[in-house]
Amino acid sequence: MDFKSFWYIAAESKDLKNQALGTTILDENIVIYRNEAGQAAAFRDKCLHRAAPLSKGNVRSGRLHCGYHGWTYNGLGSVIDVPSLGTNSTQLPSCKLRSYKTTEKDGYVYVSLSDKETIPNEPYQIPNYLKKGWAHIRLLNTFENNVTNCAENFVDIPHTAYVHDKVFRSRRNEMLKANIQRNDGTVNVIYENEKSNLGLFTWFLNPTGRNISHSDHFYMPNVTCVEYTFSPKRRFIIMSQSVPISENKTRVYTDLIYDYGPWNLVSRYFIKKQAQKIIDQDVEILNLQMKVIEKYGEEFQNTPADMIHIFIESIRNEITNGNDPRLLPKKEYECEFWV
């Protein structure tokens, strides 16, 4: 097993119309488009003729045309037309583009770079996506940091009182409890003792100060999901999928799914604006973190509150070493920490 063995988001389905789109995953330049059957097709973004990027070409009738000399490819990556040959189809090259597996789910086009027939798991289901009573917002951001540090940030509570002070949590020195489990390539955390430290919108999210149901999840190799239940009509889910562009550059697709009852529609603008503000703050601190790491190295000191990070790192390290993280022994850890 390696990182190429998994599915990664290449684009949103709605953006893949009658055009070629270029993206980069794990340092591999990829062109995606819809073929003659309307299905997503993905190839190495390199024309076989003179190595021009196919993503700068165009799509006509489900066929991919290079913008340099007009070489044309079908949905299998085969050359079906070379304009300079005229009508002499007997001289068409028999070579084919390097192709990649694709699948679509929840409004995303996923690509796998693996040559293997089987992939460890399907793309993860976005909870309550397009389900009646639930609203949905989708955001896209780029971080100058690696997938591991991004994923750890998205399920890290202590930083929120500093990086997002008063926007989402403040320093109150309140004790929280966490039950953290690593099992089958996932990390699951259940928190206790959370009530009203929720920043500017505490009055809306939890006006009575009742106990909050909060759990965080990491799914190998790159997905995090944060779930809050404040009350029966105050539920909020944040799912983040971190796509490795290169070793220390990550594209993050964030899905916000929420059920605020009759407030769903009117709250959309405020939720999107506030969420983007929080993400912008995370982008800034993670970009700064990577600059320090590149200069001085990645040597972290851990406290009990960092056990979720240790478990995530153990899973991703197994993949780095070519092993299957699902074979790691199940571990459970309980801790207290203060925010």
C-alpha atoms as a PDB file:
ATOM      1  CA  MET A   1       0.000   0.000   0.000  1.00  0.00           C
ATOM      2  CA  ASP A   2       1.126   3.540  -0.762  1.00  0.00           C
ATOM      3  CA  PHE A   3      -0.511   6.945  -1.065  1.00  0.00           C
ATOM      4  CA  LYS A   4      -1.237   6.356  -4.751  1.00  0.00           C
ATOM      5  CA  SER A   5      -3.513   3.490  -3.691  1.00  0.00           C
ATOM      6  CA  PHE A   6      -6.368   5.804  -2.672  1.00  0.00           C
ATOM      7  CA  TRP A   7      -9.031   8.044  -4.200  1.00  0.00           C
ATOM      8  CA  TYR A   8      -8.453  11.805  -4.285  1.00  0.00           C
ATOM      9  CA  ILE A   9     -10.746  14.617  -5.383  1.00  0.00           C
ATOM     10  CA  ALA A  10      -9.719  15.952  -8.793  1.00  0.00           C
ATOM     11  CA  ALA A  11     -12.590  18.390  -9.360  1.00  0.00           C
ATOM     12  CA  GLU A  12     -16.220  19.091  -8.620  1.00  0.00           C
ATOM     13  CA  SER A  13     -18.588  17.298 -10.971  1.00  0.00           C
ATOM     14  CA  LYS A  14     -20.378  20.522 -11.867  1.00  0.00           C
ATOM     15  CA  ASP A  15     -17.137  22.036 -13.183  1.00  0.00           C
ATOM     16  CA  LEU A  16     -16.456  19.175 -15.559  1.00  0.00           C
ATOM     17  CA  LYS A  17     -18.519  20.295 -18.518  1.00  0.00           C
ATOM     18  CA  ASN A  18     -17.456  20.456 -22.159  1.00  0.00           C
ATOM     19  CA  GLN A  19     -13.888  21.375 -21.304  1.00  0.00           C
ATOM     20  CA  ALA A  20     -10.576  19.936 -20.142  1.00  0.00           C
ATOM     21  CA  LEU A  21      -9.454  20.675 -16.589  1.00  0.00           C
ATOM     22  CA  GLY A  22      -5.933  20.340 -15.264  1.00  0.00           C
ATOM     23  CA  THR A  23      -5.008  19.430 -11.713  1.00  0.00           C
ATOM     24  CA  THR A  24      -2.056  18.011  -9.784  1.00  0.00           C
ATOM     25  CA  ILE A  25      -2.173  15.119  -7.305  1.00  0.00           C
ATOM     26  CA  LEU A  26       0.945  13.691  -5.687  1.00  0.00           C
ATOM     27  CA  ASP A  27       3.120  15.649  -8.141  1.00  0.00           C
ATOM     28  CA  GLU A  28       1.330  14.067 -11.096  1.00  0.00           C
ATOM     29  CA  ASN A  29      -0.182  16.491 -13.620  1.00  0.00           C
ATOM     30  CA  ILE A  30      -3.611  15.236 -14.659  1.00  0.00           C
ATOM     31  CA  VAL A  31      -6.156  16.293 -17.257  1.00  0.00           C
ATOM     32  CA  ILE A  32      -9.799  15.358 -16.692  1.00  0.00           C
ATOM     33  CA  TYR A  33     -12.803  15.736 -18.965  1.00  0.00           C
ATOM     34  CA  ARG A  34     -16.024  13.974 -19.931  1.00  0.00           C
ATOM     35  CA  ASN A  35     -15.640  11.396 -22.686  1.00  0.00           C
ATOM     36  CA  GLU A  36     -18.072  10.394 -25.428  1.00  0.00           C
ATOM     37  CA  ALA A  37     -20.275   8.600 -22.876  1.00  0.00           C
ATOM     38  CA  GLY A  38     -20.344  11.596 -20.525  1.00  0.00           C
ATOM     39  CA  GLN A  39     -18.141   9.816 -17.998  1.00  0.00           C
ATOM     40  CA  ALA A  40     -15.169  11.421 -16.267  1.00  0.00           C
ATOM     41  CA  ALA A  41     -11.864  10.400 -17.864  1.00  0.00           C
ATOM     42  CA  ALA A  42      -8.414  11.201 -16.495  1.00  0.00           C
ATOM     43  CA  PHE A  43      -5.016  11.050 -18.192  1.00  0.00           C
ATOM     44  CA  ARG A  44      -1.503  12.317 -17.657  1.00  0.00           C
ATOM     45  CA  ASP A  45      -1.531  15.940 -18.771  1.00  0.00           C
ATOM     46  CA  LYS A  46       0.968  15.424 -21.578  1.00  0.00           C
ATOM     47  CA  CYS A  47       0.292  15.148 -25.278  1.00  0.00           C
ATOM     48  CA  LEU A  48       2.163  12.223 -26.842  1.00  0.00           C
ATOM     49  CA  HIS A  49       3.239  14.356 -29.793  1.00  0.00           C
ATOM     50  CA  ARG A  50       5.289  17.256 -28.389  1.00  0.00           C
ATOM     51  CA  ALA A  51       4.467  17.098 -24.669  1.00  0.00           C
ATOM     52  CA  ALA A  52       2.090  20.071 -24.594  1.00  0.00           C
ATOM     53  CA  PRO A  53      -0.389  20.103 -21.680  1.00  0.00           C
ATOM     54  CA  LEU A  54      -3.668  18.628 -22.844  1.00  0.00           C
ATOM     55  CA  SER A  55      -5.529  20.665 -20.221  1.00  0.00           C
ATOM     56  CA  LYS A  56      -4.829  23.724 -22.403  1.00  0.00           C
ATOM     57  CA  GLY A  57      -6.637  22.101 -25.306  1.00  0.00           C
ATOM     58  CA  ASN A  58     -10.368  21.615 -25.742  1.00  0.00           C
ATOM     59  CA  VAL A  59     -13.102  18.982 -25.762  1.00  0.00           C
ATOM     60  CA  ARG A  60     -15.475  18.428 -28.659  1.00  0.00           C
ATOM     61  CA  SER A  61     -18.051  15.636 -28.697  1.00  0.00           C
ATOM     62  CA  GLY A  62     -16.294  13.906 -25.820  1.00  0.00           C
ATOM     63  CA  ARG A  63     -12.923  13.875 -27.566  1.00  0.00           C
ATOM     64  CA  LEU A  64      -9.823  15.574 -26.219  1.00  0.00           C
ATOM     65  CA  HIS A  65      -7.983  17.876 -28.643  1.00  0.00           C
ATOM     66  CA  CYS A  66      -4.441  19.102 -27.972  1.00  0.00           C
ATOM     67  CA  GLY A  67      -4.115  22.856 -28.361  1.00  0.00           C
ATOM     68  CA  TYR A  68      -0.626  22.640 -29.899  1.00  0.00           C
ATOM     69  CA  HIS A  69      -0.988  20.531 -33.078  1.00  0.00           C
ATOM     70  CA  GLY A  70      -4.549  19.255 -32.778  1.00  0.00           C
ATOM     71  CA  TRP A  71      -3.831  15.617 -31.952  1.00  0.00           C
ATOM     72  CA  THR A  72      -7.126  14.108 -30.830  1.00  0.00           C
ATOM     73  CA  TYR A  73      -7.763  11.362 -28.240  1.00  0.00           C
ATOM     74  CA  ASN A  74     -10.823   9.297 -27.420  1.00  0.00           C
ATOM     75  CA  GLY A  75     -12.057   8.287 -23.968  1.00  0.00           C
ATOM     76  CA  LEU A  76      -9.576   5.409 -23.853  1.00  0.00           C
ATOM     77  CA  GLY A  77      -6.611   7.691 -24.514  1.00  0.00           C
ATOM     78  CA  SER A  78      -6.033   6.407 -28.033  1.00  0.00           C
ATOM     79  CA  VAL A  79      -4.989   8.738 -30.856  1.00  0.00           C
ATOM     80  CA  ILE A  80      -7.908   8.993 -33.286  1.00  0.00           C
ATOM     81  CA  ASP A  81      -6.866  11.977 -35.379  1.00  0.00           C
ATOM     82  CA  VAL A  82      -3.661  13.760 -36.396  1.00  0.00           C
ATOM     83  CA  PRO A  83      -4.566  16.797 -38.545  1.00  0.00           C
ATOM     84  CA  SER A  84      -1.186  16.893 -40.283  1.00  0.00           C
ATOM     85  CA  LEU A  85      -1.866  13.411 -41.716  1.00  0.00           C
ATOM     86  CA  GLY A  86      -4.988  14.566 -43.492  1.00  0.00           C
ATOM     87  CA  THR A  87      -7.268  11.620 -44.204  1.00  0.00           C
ATOM     88  CA  ASN A  88      -4.473   9.035 -44.034  1.00  0.00           C
ATOM     89  CA  SER A  89      -5.684   7.216 -40.901  1.00  0.00           C
ATOM     90  CA  THR A  90      -3.433   4.214 -41.598  1.00  0.00           C
ATOM     91  CA  GLN A  91      -0.478   6.180 -40.233  1.00  0.00           C
ATOM     92  CA  LEU A  92      -2.069   7.038 -36.866  1.00  0.00           C
ATOM     93  CA  PRO A  93       0.268   6.248 -33.932  1.00  0.00           C
ATOM     94  CA  SER A  94      -0.794   3.255 -31.867  1.00  0.00           C
ATOM     95  CA  CYS A  95       0.363   4.744 -28.555  1.00  0.00           C
ATOM     96  CA  LYS A  96      -2.051   5.635 -25.732  1.00  0.00           C
ATOM     97  CA  LEU A  97      -2.128   8.233 -22.967  1.00  0.00           C
ATOM     98  CA  ARG A  98      -1.339   7.182 -19.411  1.00  0.00           C
ATOM     99  CA  SER A  99      -4.805   6.771 -17.896  1.00  0.00           C
ATOM    100  CA  TYR A 100      -6.117   6.826 -14.319  1.00  0.00           C
ATOM    101  CA  LYS A 101      -9.187   5.356 -12.657  1.00  0.00           C
ATOM    102  CA  THR A 102     -12.069   7.736 -11.965  1.00  0.00           C
ATOM    103  CA  THR A 103     -15.295   7.626 -10.009  1.00  0.00           C
ATOM    104  CA  GLU A 104     -17.901  10.199  -8.971  1.00  0.00           C
ATOM    105  CA  LYS A 105     -19.612  10.607  -5.620  1.00  0.00           C
ATOM    106  CA  ASP A 106     -21.403  13.407  -3.783  1.00  0.00           C
ATOM    107  CA  GLY A 107     -20.684  15.946  -6.495  1.00  0.00           C
ATOM    108  CA  TYR A 108     -16.955  15.198  -6.727  1.00  0.00           C
ATOM    109  CA  VAL A 109     -14.815  13.537  -9.391  1.00  0.00           C
ATOM    110  CA  TYR A 110     -12.251  11.264  -7.760  1.00  0.00           C
ATOM    111  CA  VAL A 111      -9.052   9.961  -9.329  1.00  0.00           C
ATOM    112  CA  SER A 112      -6.743   7.167  -8.236  1.00  0.00           C
ATOM    113  CA  LEU A 113      -3.145   7.016  -9.457  1.00  0.00           C
ATOM    114  CA  SER A 114      -2.824   3.333  -8.599  1.00  0.00           C
ATOM    115  CA  ASP A 115      -2.037   0.682 -11.218  1.00  0.00           C
ATOM    116  CA  LYS A 116      -3.633  -1.979  -9.021  1.00  0.00           C
ATOM    117  CA  GLU A 117      -7.021  -3.448  -9.818  1.00  0.00           C
ATOM    118  CA  THR A 118      -8.397  -2.913  -6.321  1.00  0.00           C
ATOM    119  CA  ILE A 119      -8.371   0.220  -4.178  1.00  0.00           C
ATOM    120  CA  PRO A 120      -8.483  -0.116  -0.351  1.00  0.00           C
ATOM    121  CA  ASN A 121     -11.747   1.785   0.048  1.00  0.00           C
ATOM    122  CA  GLU A 122     -14.338   3.825  -1.771  1.00  0.00           C
ATOM    123  CA  PRO A 123     -14.483   7.620  -1.430  1.00  0.00           C
ATOM    124  CA  TYR A 124     -15.998   8.416   1.946  1.00  0.00           C
ATOM    125  CA  GLN A 125     -19.657   9.313   2.090  1.00  0.00           C
ATOM    126  CA  ILE A 126     -20.338  12.941   2.986  1.00  0.00           C
ATOM    127  CA  PRO A 127     -22.814  12.722   5.891  1.00  0.00           C
ATOM    128  CA  ASN A 128     -26.362  13.884   5.070  1.00  0.00           C
ATOM    129  CA  TYR A 129     -25.290  15.216   1.666  1.00  0.00           C
ATOM    130  CA  LEU A 130     -28.394  16.604  -0.108  1.00  0.00           C
ATOM    131  CA  LYS A 131     -30.570  14.991   2.561  1.00  0.00           C
ATOM    132  CA  LYS A 132     -33.882  16.706   3.281  1.00  0.00           C
ATOM    133  CA  GLY A 133     -33.621  19.143   6.180  1.00  0.00           C
ATOM    134  CA  TRP A 134     -29.864  19.608   5.761  1.00  0.00           C
ATOM    135  CA  ALA A 135     -28.125  22.559   4.077  1.00  0.00           C
ATOM    136  CA  HIS A 136     -24.733  22.374   2.379  1.00  0.00           C
ATOM    137  CA  ILE A 137     -21.803  24.701   1.649  1.00  0.00           C
ATOM    138  CA  ARG A 138     -18.614  23.726  -0.199  1.00  0.00           C
ATOM    139  CA  LEU A 139     -15.277  25.553   0.111  1.00  0.00           C
ATOM    140  CA  LEU A 140     -11.880  25.100  -1.576  1.00  0.00           C
ATOM    141  CA  ASN A 141      -8.539  26.315  -0.194  1.00  0.00           C
ATOM    142  CA  THR A 142      -4.847  25.641  -0.712  1.00  0.00           C
ATOM    143  CA  PHE A 143      -2.367  25.187   2.140  1.00  0.00           C
ATOM    144  CA  GLU A 144       1.428  25.411   1.884  1.00  0.00           C
ATOM    145  CA  ASN A 145       1.780  22.408   4.186  1.00  0.00           C
ATOM    146  CA  ASN A 146       1.482  18.636   4.025  1.00  0.00           C
ATOM    147  CA  VAL A 147      -1.622  16.479   4.385  1.00  0.00           C
ATOM    148  CA  THR A 148      -0.654  15.189   7.834  1.00  0.00           C
ATOM    149  CA  ASN A 149      -0.331  18.626   9.391  1.00  0.00           C
ATOM    150  CA  CYS A 150      -3.513  19.819   7.695  1.00  0.00           C
ATOM    151  CA  ALA A 151      -5.551  16.837   8.899  1.00  0.00           C
ATOM    152  CA  GLU A 152      -4.205  17.207  12.422  1.00  0.00           C
ATOM    153  CA  ASN A 153      -5.140  20.884  12.450  1.00  0.00           C
ATOM    154  CA  PHE A 154      -8.724  20.151  11.407  1.00  0.00           C
ATOM    155  CA  VAL A 155      -9.322  17.911  14.449  1.00  0.00           C
ATOM    156  CA  ASP A 156      -7.247  19.903  16.936  1.00  0.00           C
ATOM    157  CA  ILE A 157      -9.177  21.718  19.687  1.00  0.00           C
ATOM    158  CA  PRO A 158      -6.426  23.525  21.685  1.00  0.00           C
ATOM    159  CA  HIS A 159      -5.320  25.731  18.781  1.00  0.00           C
ATOM    160  CA  THR A 160      -8.828  27.112  18.287  1.00  0.00           C
ATOM    161  CA  ALA A 161      -8.649  29.240  21.433  1.00  0.00           C
ATOM    162  CA  TYR A 162      -5.567  30.996  20.055  1.00  0.00           C
ATOM    163  CA  VAL A 163      -5.751  30.996  16.262  1.00  0.00           C
ATOM    164  CA  HIS A 164      -9.534  31.572  16.270  1.00  0.00           C
ATOM    165  CA  ASP A 165      -9.807  33.506  19.540  1.00  0.00           C
ATOM    166  CA  LYS A 166     -13.376  34.806  20.040  1.00  0.00           C
ATOM    167  CA  VAL A 167     -14.292  33.685  16.515  1.00  0.00           C
ATOM    168  CA  PHE A 168     -14.464  30.035  17.532  1.00  0.00           C
ATOM    169  CA  ARG A 169     -13.613  29.436  21.205  1.00  0.00           C
ATOM    170  CA  SER A 170     -11.683  31.580  23.658  1.00  0.00           C
ATOM    171  CA  ARG A 171      -9.239  30.836  26.454  1.00  0.00           C
ATOM    172  CA  ARG A 172     -11.251  29.890  29.535  1.00  0.00           C
ATOM    173  CA  ASN A 173      -9.133  27.195  31.185  1.00  0.00           C
ATOM    174  CA  GLU A 174     -12.057  24.760  31.050  1.00  0.00           C
ATOM    175  CA  MET A 175     -11.368  21.051  31.343  1.00  0.00           C
ATOM    176  CA  LEU A 176     -12.456  18.753  28.505  1.00  0.00           C
ATOM    177  CA  LYS A 177     -12.319  14.967  28.402  1.00  0.00           C
ATOM    178  CA  ALA A 178     -11.526  12.935  25.314  1.00  0.00           C
ATOM    179  CA  ASN A 179     -11.793   9.251  24.485  1.00  0.00           C
ATOM    180  CA  ILE A 180      -9.490   8.555  21.509  1.00  0.00           C
ATOM    181  CA  GLN A 181      -9.484   5.284  19.580  1.00  0.00           C
ATOM    182  CA  ARG A 182      -7.387   4.056  16.671  1.00  0.00           C
ATOM    183  CA  ASN A 183      -8.838   1.116  14.784  1.00  0.00           C
ATOM    184  CA  ASP A 184      -9.013  -0.182  11.198  1.00  0.00           C
ATOM    185  CA  GLY A 185      -7.262   2.823   9.636  1.00  0.00           C
ATOM    186  CA  THR A 186      -9.395   5.378  11.457  1.00  0.00           C
ATOM    187  CA  VAL A 187      -9.082   7.604  14.522  1.00  0.00           C
ATOM    188  CA  ASN A 188     -12.255   8.434  16.437  1.00  0.00           C
ATOM    189  CA  VAL A 189     -12.549  10.918  19.301  1.00  0.00           C
ATOM    190  CA  ILE A 190     -15.523  11.563  21.578  1.00  0.00           C
ATOM    191  CA  TYR A 191     -15.385  14.689  23.745  1.00  0.00           C
ATOM    192  CA  GLU A 192     -17.135  15.420  27.026  1.00  0.00           C
ATOM    193  CA  ASN A 193     -17.790  18.564  29.054  1.00  0.00           C
ATOM    194  CA  GLU A 194     -18.237  21.006  26.154  1.00  0.00           C
ATOM    195  CA  LYS A 195     -20.952  23.606  26.669  1.00  0.00           C
ATOM    196  CA  SER A 196     -20.710  27.269  25.757  1.00  0.00           C
ATOM    197  CA  ASN A 197     -17.187  28.066  24.586  1.00  0.00           C
ATOM    198  CA  LEU A 198     -18.194  28.453  20.929  1.00  0.00           C
ATOM    199  CA  GLY A 199     -17.159  31.989  20.052  1.00  0.00           C
ATOM    200  CA  LEU A 200     -19.372  34.699  18.560  1.00  0.00           C
ATOM    201  CA  PHE A 201     -22.364  32.467  17.883  1.00  0.00           C
ATOM    202  CA  THR A 202     -22.713  30.739  21.249  1.00  0.00           C
ATOM    203  CA  TRP A 203     -26.026  32.568  21.724  1.00  0.00           C
ATOM    204  CA  PHE A 204     -27.377  30.869  18.605  1.00  0.00           C
ATOM    205  CA  LEU A 205     -25.702  27.464  18.753  1.00  0.00           C
ATOM    206  CA  ASN A 206     -26.231  26.668  22.422  1.00  0.00           C
ATOM    207  CA  PRO A 207     -28.169  29.427  24.204  1.00  0.00           C
ATOM    208  CA  THR A 208     -29.115  27.240  27.192  1.00  0.00           C
ATOM    209  CA  GLY A 209     -25.549  25.996  27.831  1.00  0.00           C
ATOM    210  CA  ARG A 210     -26.477  22.313  27.655  1.00  0.00           C
ATOM    211  CA  ASN A 211     -23.856  19.606  27.151  1.00  0.00           C
ATOM    212  CA  ILE A 212     -22.730  19.346  23.528  1.00  0.00           C
ATOM    213  CA  SER A 213     -22.271  16.123  21.594  1.00  0.00           C
ATOM    214  CA  HIS A 214     -18.963  16.446  19.731  1.00  0.00           C
ATOM    215  CA  SER A 215     -16.913  13.803  17.916  1.00  0.00           C
ATOM    216  CA  ASP A 216     -13.952  13.999  15.527  1.00  0.00           C
ATOM    217  CA  HIS A 217     -12.882  11.401  12.989  1.00  0.00           C
ATOM    218  CA  PHE A 218      -9.897  10.728  10.743  1.00  0.00           C
ATOM    219  CA  TYR A 219     -10.201   8.261   7.873  1.00  0.00           C
ATOM    220  CA  MET A 220      -7.098   7.055   6.081  1.00  0.00           C
ATOM    221  CA  PRO A 221      -5.342   8.560   4.318  1.00  0.00           C
ATOM    222  CA  ASN A 222      -6.654  12.146   4.166  1.00  0.00           C
ATOM    223  CA  VAL A 223     -10.212  12.724   5.407  1.00  0.00           C
ATOM    224  CA  THR A 224     -11.413  14.367   8.614  1.00  0.00           C
ATOM    225  CA  CYS A 225     -14.971  14.767   9.860  1.00  0.00           C
ATOM    226  CA  VAL A 226     -16.039  16.946  12.789  1.00  0.00           C
ATOM    227  CA  GLU A 227     -19.584  16.487  14.110  1.00  0.00           C
ATOM    228  CA  TYR A 228     -21.462  18.709  16.565  1.00  0.00           C
ATOM    229  CA  THR A 229     -24.959  18.271  17.958  1.00  0.00           C
ATOM    230  CA  PHE A 230     -26.023  21.285  20.005  1.00  0.00           C
ATOM    231  CA  SER A 231     -29.723  20.382  20.038  1.00  0.00           C
ATOM    232  CA  PRO A 232     -32.159  18.478  17.761  1.00  0.00           C
ATOM    233  CA  LYS A 233     -32.252  21.436  15.331  1.00  0.00           C
ATOM    234  CA  ARG A 234     -28.696  22.667  15.828  1.00  0.00           C
ATOM    235  CA  ARG A 235     -26.434  20.131  14.126  1.00  0.00           C
ATOM    236  CA  PHE A 236     -23.235  20.887  12.251  1.00  0.00           C
ATOM    237  CA  ILE A 237     -20.757  18.685  10.341  1.00  0.00           C
ATOM    238  CA  ILE A 238     -17.431  19.684   8.786  1.00  0.00           C
ATOM    239  CA  MET A 239     -15.844  17.211   6.390  1.00  0.00           C
ATOM    240  CA  SER A 240     -12.413  18.051   4.977  1.00  0.00           C
ATOM    241  CA  GLN A 241     -10.630  16.106   2.240  1.00  0.00           C
ATOM    242  CA  SER A 242      -6.946  16.990   1.924  1.00  0.00           C
ATOM    243  CA  VAL A 243      -5.555  16.344  -1.564  1.00  0.00           C
ATOM    244  CA  PRO A 244      -1.733  16.239  -1.806  1.00  0.00           C
ATOM    245  CA  ILE A 245      -0.628  18.491  -4.666  1.00  0.00           C
ATOM    246  CA  SER A 246       3.002  17.886  -3.745  1.00  0.00           C
ATOM    247  CA  GLU A 247       4.889  16.910  -0.610  1.00  0.00           C
ATOM    248  CA  ASN A 248       4.249  20.202   1.191  1.00  0.00           C
ATOM    249  CA  LYS A 249       1.294  21.667  -0.684  1.00  0.00           C
ATOM    250  CA  THR A 250      -2.291  20.568  -0.103  1.00  0.00           C
ATOM    251  CA  ARG A 251      -5.629  21.372  -1.712  1.00  0.00           C
ATOM    252  CA  VAL A 252      -8.479  21.062   0.791  1.00  0.00           C
ATOM    253  CA  TYR A 253     -12.131  20.586  -0.113  1.00  0.00           C
ATOM    254  CA  THR A 254     -14.360  21.433   2.858  1.00  0.00           C
ATOM    255  CA  ASP A 255     -18.014  20.440   3.052  1.00  0.00           C
ATOM    256  CA  LEU A 256     -20.173  22.146   5.673  1.00  0.00           C
ATOM    257  CA  ILE A 257     -23.411  20.277   6.311  1.00  0.00           C
ATOM    258  CA  TYR A 258     -25.831  21.679   8.863  1.00  0.00           C
ATOM    259  CA  ASP A 259     -29.367  21.415  10.173  1.00  0.00           C
ATOM    260  CA  TYR A 260     -30.548  24.621  11.813  1.00  0.00           C
ATOM    261  CA  GLY A 261     -34.202  23.992  11.098  1.00  0.00           C
ATOM    262  CA  PRO A 262     -35.968  27.124   9.789  1.00  0.00           C
ATOM    263  CA  TRP A 263     -32.660  29.024  10.008  1.00  0.00           C
ATOM    264  CA  ASN A 264     -30.975  26.949   7.290  1.00  0.00           C
ATOM    265  CA  LEU A 265     -31.427  29.392   4.439  1.00  0.00           C
ATOM    266  CA  VAL A 266     -31.012  32.690   6.270  1.00  0.00           C
ATOM    267  CA  SER A 267     -27.863  31.498   8.069  1.00  0.00           C
ATOM    268  CA  ARG A 268     -26.040  30.381   4.912  1.00  0.00           C
ATOM    269  CA  TYR A 269     -24.283  33.696   4.253  1.00  0.00           C
ATOM    270  CA  PHE A 270     -23.025  34.010   7.828  1.00  0.00           C
ATOM    271  CA  ILE A 271     -21.891  30.377   8.043  1.00  0.00           C
ATOM    272  CA  LYS A 272     -19.961  30.578   4.770  1.00  0.00           C
ATOM    273  CA  LYS A 273     -18.319  33.873   5.710  1.00  0.00           C
ATOM    274  CA  GLN A 274     -17.406  32.709   9.210  1.00  0.00           C
ATOM    275  CA  ALA A 275     -16.126  29.332   8.014  1.00  0.00           C
ATOM    276  CA  GLN A 276     -13.909  30.957   5.385  1.00  0.00           C
ATOM    277  CA  LYS A 277     -12.532  33.352   7.995  1.00  0.00           C
ATOM    278  CA  ILE A 278     -11.609  30.417  10.233  1.00  0.00           C
ATOM    279  CA  ILE A 279     -10.014  28.543   7.321  1.00  0.00           C
ATOM    280  CA  ASP A 280      -8.038  31.654   6.332  1.00  0.00           C
ATOM    281  CA  GLN A 281      -6.620  31.770   9.854  1.00  0.00           C
ATOM    282  CA  ASP A 282      -5.660  28.094   9.628  1.00  0.00           C
ATOM    283  CA  VAL A 283      -4.053  28.650   6.213  1.00  0.00           C
ATOM    284  CA  GLU A 284      -1.911  31.409   7.690  1.00  0.00           C
ATOM    285  CA  ILE A 285      -0.701  29.463  10.748  1.00  0.00           C
ATOM    286  CA  LEU A 286      -0.076  26.251   8.774  1.00  0.00           C
ATOM    287  CA  ASN A 287       1.866  28.111   6.096  1.00  0.00           C
ATOM    288  CA  LEU A 288       4.023  29.646   8.825  1.00  0.00           C
ATOM    289  CA  GLN A 289       4.460  26.248  10.478  1.00  0.00           C
ATOM    290  CA  MET A 290       5.823  24.743   7.264  1.00  0.00           C
ATOM    291  CA  LYS A 291       8.338  27.562   6.842  1.00  0.00           C
ATOM    292  CA  VAL A 292       9.726  26.737  10.287  1.00  0.00           C
ATOM    293  CA  ILE A 293       9.723  22.994   9.554  1.00  0.00           C
ATOM    294  CA  GLU A 294      11.600  23.512   6.297  1.00  0.00           C
ATOM    295  CA  LYS A 295      14.266  25.482   8.134  1.00  0.00           C
ATOM    296  CA  TYR A 296      14.596  23.478  11.361  1.00  0.00           C
ATOM    297  CA  GLY A 297      12.968  20.110  10.737  1.00  0.00           C
ATOM    298  CA  GLU A 298       9.841  18.387  12.016  1.00  0.00           C
ATOM    299  CA  GLU A 299      10.508  17.422  15.617  1.00  0.00           C
ATOM    300  CA  PHE A 300       7.346  17.680  17.716  1.00  0.00           C
ATOM    301  CA  GLN A 301       6.941  17.475  21.492  1.00  0.00           C
ATOM    302  CA  ASN A 302       3.639  15.942  22.549  1.00  0.00           C
ATOM    303  CA  THR A 303       1.268  16.235  25.491  1.00  0.00           C
ATOM    304  CA  PRO A 304      -1.752  14.029  26.306  1.00  0.00           C
ATOM    305  CA  ALA A 305      -3.965  16.315  24.198  1.00  0.00           C
ATOM    306  CA  ASP A 306      -1.824  15.410  21.157  1.00  0.00           C
ATOM    307  CA  MET A 307      -2.637  11.697  21.178  1.00  0.00           C
ATOM    308  CA  ILE A 308      -5.039  12.167  18.277  1.00  0.00           C
ATOM    309  CA  HIS A 309      -2.087  13.546  16.281  1.00  0.00           C
ATOM    310  CA  ILE A 310       0.111  10.616  17.278  1.00  0.00           C
ATOM    311  CA  PHE A 311      -2.531   8.138  16.089  1.00  0.00           C
ATOM    312  CA  ILE A 312      -3.003   9.989  12.771  1.00  0.00           C
ATOM    313  CA  GLU A 313       0.754  10.058  12.226  1.00  0.00           C
ATOM    314  CA  SER A 314       1.019   6.334  12.966  1.00  0.00           C
ATOM    315  CA  ILE A 315      -1.540   5.583  10.230  1.00  0.00           C
ATOM    316  CA  ARG A 316       0.080   7.823   7.638  1.00  0.00           C
ATOM    317  CA  ASN A 317       3.562   6.532   8.559  1.00  0.00           C
ATOM    318  CA  GLU A 318       2.391   2.981   7.885  1.00  0.00           C
ATOM    319  CA  ILE A 319       1.310   3.991   4.386  1.00  0.00           C
ATOM    320  CA  THR A 320       4.631   5.796   3.848  1.00  0.00           C
ATOM    321  CA  ASN A 321       6.398   2.540   4.764  1.00  0.00           C
ATOM    322  CA  GLY A 322       4.254   0.511   2.357  1.00  0.00           C
ATOM    323  CA  ASN A 323       2.127  -1.137   5.034  1.00  0.00           C
ATOM    324  CA  ASP A 324      -1.625  -1.414   5.579  1.00  0.00           C
ATOM    325  CA  PRO A 325      -2.658   0.754   8.592  1.00  0.00           C
ATOM    326  CA  ARG A 326      -5.729  -1.402   9.114  1.00  0.00           C
ATOM    327  CA  LEU A 327      -3.394  -4.046  10.515  1.00  0.00           C
ATOM    328  CA  LEU A 328      -2.209  -1.792  13.339  1.00  0.00           C
ATOM    329  CA  PRO A 329      -3.443  -2.981  16.754  1.00  0.00           C
ATOM    330  CA  LYS A 330      -6.509  -1.258  18.142  1.00  0.00           C
ATOM    331  CA  LYS A 331      -5.600   1.348  20.741  1.00  0.00           C
ATOM    332  CA  GLU A 332      -7.698   3.440  23.101  1.00  0.00           C
ATOM    333  CA  TYR A 333      -6.638   6.433  25.149  1.00  0.00           C
ATOM    334  CA  GLU A 334      -8.481   8.740  27.532  1.00  0.00           C
ATOM    335  CA  CYS A 335      -7.204  12.154  28.547  1.00  0.00           C
ATOM    336  CA  GLU A 336      -8.130  15.478  30.064  1.00  0.00           C
ATOM    337  CA  PHE A 337      -6.966  18.824  28.703  1.00  0.00           C
ATOM    338  CA  TRP A 338      -7.795  22.466  29.236  1.00  0.00           C
ATOM    339  CA  VAL A 339      -8.980  25.114  26.770  1.00  0.00           C
END
